[in-house]
Amino acid sequence: MRTTLVALVLLLAACGSTAGSSTTTAPPEEAPTSTTSAPSTPLLPSATATTPLDVAAVYLAVVEEAVDGTDLADFVDEEPESVLAIGQLFCELRDSGLSDEEALEVYLEGVASQRDLSEDDAVFAGVVFGAAERTLCPTTE
């Protein structure tokens, strides 16, 4: 069952990383960066100094668009700080050397330790992972 969920999440992450893109959002490698004005850049309450408001807003917009019209939309609207923290967690897991599949397994195991996994958990993980990979996670290129 867990292998099936991970496979589903990987598929959703791959779809989510392209489904949320639009002509108004530049990919991270094309997004302008400003290291000199970082201290004056407003941050979301749970954002870090490396996640300025504009990056967090793009990430949340991609997630919101992907879950629009589903039961997950309410959670994203009510808990944007939690959604941002989950995206940052995915970036940290990948930065620690875990593969995409391993990072998703760690997340899903954490959810499973708290409650039974649902299809929504897999969908949400795929959406958040794809959005984080596209917007939040620093590129290594």
Protein backbone atom coordinates (compact mmCIF):
# COMPACT_ATOMS: atom_id res chain seq x y z
CA MET A 1 0.00 0.00 0.00
CA ARG A 2 2.75 2.44 0.96
CA THR A 3 4.65 1.71 -2.27
CA THR A 4 1.49 2.43 -4.25
CA LEU A 5 1.00 5.72 -2.38
CA VAL A 6 4.62 6.74 -2.98
CA ALA A 7 4.31 5.91 -6.69
CA LEU A 8 1.08 7.94 -6.86
CA VAL A 9 2.71 10.85 -5.06
CA LEU A 10 5.72 10.80 -7.39
CA LEU A 11 3.38 10.88 -10.36
CA LEU A 12 1.42 13.77 -8.83
CA ALA A 13 4.63 15.63 -8.00
CA ALA A 14 5.75 15.35 -11.60
CA CYS A 15 2.38 16.58 -12.82
CA GLY A 16 2.23 19.29 -10.17
CA SER A 17 5.59 20.74 -11.12
CA THR A 18 4.29 21.54 -14.61
CA ALA A 19 0.57 21.98 -13.92
CA GLY A 20 1.11 24.97 -11.66
CA SER A 21 3.31 26.87 -14.06
CA SER A 22 1.99 29.85 -15.92
CA THR A 23 3.33 32.66 -18.03
CA THR A 24 3.20 35.06 -15.08
CA THR A 25 5.49 32.98 -12.87
CA ALA A 26 9.16 32.70 -13.71
CA PRO A 27 10.94 29.46 -12.84
CA PRO A 28 13.34 29.79 -9.89
CA GLU A 29 16.39 29.96 -12.14
CA GLU A 30 14.90 32.94 -13.97
CA ALA A 31 13.48 34.72 -10.94
CA PRO A 32 15.31 37.88 -9.97
CA THR A 33 17.31 37.66 -6.77
CA SER A 34 18.33 40.47 -4.49
CA THR A 35 20.73 39.56 -1.72
CA THR A 36 21.35 43.16 -0.74
CA SER A 37 17.73 43.93 0.10
CA ALA A 38 16.93 40.63 1.84
CA PRO A 39 16.76 42.13 5.35
CA SER A 40 14.13 44.66 4.26
CA THR A 41 12.05 42.08 2.35
CA PRO A 42 8.86 41.34 4.29
CA LEU A 43 8.55 37.70 5.33
CA LEU A 44 5.60 35.50 6.13
CA PRO A 45 5.46 34.78 9.86
CA SER A 46 6.86 31.27 9.39
CA ALA A 47 9.11 32.10 6.45
CA THR A 48 12.85 32.11 6.84
CA ALA A 49 15.26 34.75 5.64
CA THR A 50 15.83 32.60 2.55
CA THR A 51 12.12 32.49 1.71
CA PRO A 52 11.04 36.04 0.95
CA LEU A 53 7.38 36.94 0.66
CA ASP A 54 7.33 36.88 -3.15
CA VAL A 55 8.72 33.32 -3.34
CA ALA A 56 6.37 32.11 -0.60
CA ALA A 57 3.42 33.81 -2.32
CA VAL A 58 4.20 32.15 -5.66
CA TYR A 59 4.53 28.76 -3.93
CA LEU A 60 1.20 29.18 -2.10
CA ALA A 61 -0.51 30.35 -5.31
CA VAL A 62 0.70 27.23 -7.15
CA VAL A 63 -0.58 25.00 -4.33
CA GLU A 64 -3.90 26.88 -4.15
CA GLU A 65 -4.41 26.56 -7.90
CA ALA A 66 -3.66 22.84 -7.81
CA VAL A 67 -6.15 22.09 -5.01
CA ASP A 68 -8.85 24.58 -6.05
CA GLY A 69 -12.27 22.97 -5.87
CA THR A 70 -11.12 20.07 -3.66
CA ASP A 71 -11.45 19.38 0.04
CA LEU A 72 -7.80 20.36 0.42
CA ALA A 73 -8.49 23.98 -0.59
CA ASP A 74 -9.85 24.84 2.86
CA PHE A 75 -6.69 23.60 4.58
CA VAL A 76 -4.48 25.64 2.24
CA ASP A 77 -6.61 28.76 2.83
CA GLU A 78 -6.76 28.30 6.61
CA GLU A 79 -3.18 27.14 7.24
CA PRO A 80 -0.82 28.86 4.76
CA GLU A 81 2.02 28.85 7.32
CA SER A 82 1.71 25.06 7.69
CA VAL A 83 1.62 24.58 3.92
CA LEU A 84 4.75 26.73 3.59
CA ALA A 85 6.49 24.79 6.38
CA ILE A 86 5.72 21.47 4.63
CA GLY A 87 7.19 22.82 1.39
CA GLN A 88 10.31 23.96 3.23
CA LEU A 89 10.55 20.50 4.83
CA PHE A 90 10.57 18.89 1.38
CA CYS A 91 13.40 21.19 0.31
CA GLU A 92 15.37 20.37 3.47
CA LEU A 93 14.87 16.62 2.97
CA ARG A 94 16.11 16.85 -0.61
CA ASP A 95 19.04 19.04 0.43
CA SER A 96 20.02 16.40 3.00
CA GLY A 97 20.70 13.99 0.16
CA LEU A 98 17.41 12.09 0.07
CA SER A 99 15.96 11.23 -3.31
CA ASP A 100 12.52 12.54 -4.23
CA GLU A 101 11.02 9.15 -3.38
CA GLU A 102 12.81 8.98 -0.02
CA ALA A 103 11.70 12.51 0.89
CA LEU A 104 8.09 11.62 0.10
CA GLU A 105 8.38 8.40 2.12
CA VAL A 106 9.69 10.34 5.13
CA TYR A 107 6.78 12.78 4.89
CA LEU A 108 4.15 10.07 4.43
CA GLU A 109 5.62 8.01 7.29
CA GLY A 110 5.33 11.09 9.50
CA VAL A 111 1.69 11.53 8.55
CA ALA A 112 1.04 7.79 9.02
CA SER A 113 2.50 7.95 12.53
CA GLN A 114 -0.23 10.47 13.43
CA ARG A 115 -3.23 8.97 11.59
CA ASP A 116 -4.24 6.61 8.81
CA LEU A 117 -3.07 7.74 5.38
CA SER A 118 -5.77 8.79 2.96
CA GLU A 119 -5.80 9.43 -0.75
CA ASP A 120 -5.94 13.16 0.08
CA ASP A 121 -2.62 12.82 1.92
CA ALA A 122 -0.99 11.40 -1.19
CA VAL A 123 -2.53 14.08 -3.42
CA PHE A 124 -1.51 16.84 -1.03
CA ALA A 125 2.05 15.50 -0.75
CA GLY A 126 2.35 15.37 -4.53
CA VAL A 127 1.01 18.89 -4.98
CA VAL A 128 3.14 20.40 -2.23
CA PHE A 129 6.27 18.53 -3.33
CA GLY A 130 5.83 19.60 -6.96
CA ALA A 131 5.14 23.21 -5.99
CA ALA A 132 8.09 23.32 -3.57
CA GLU A 133 10.43 21.79 -6.12
CA ARG A 134 9.37 24.40 -8.69
CA THR A 135 9.36 27.49 -6.47
CA LEU A 136 10.91 27.07 -3.00
CA CYS A 137 13.79 24.64 -3.32
CA PRO A 138 17.03 26.26 -4.42
CA THR A 139 18.31 25.01 -7.74
CA THR A 140 21.65 23.27 -7.93
CA GLU A 141 22.38 24.39 -11.50
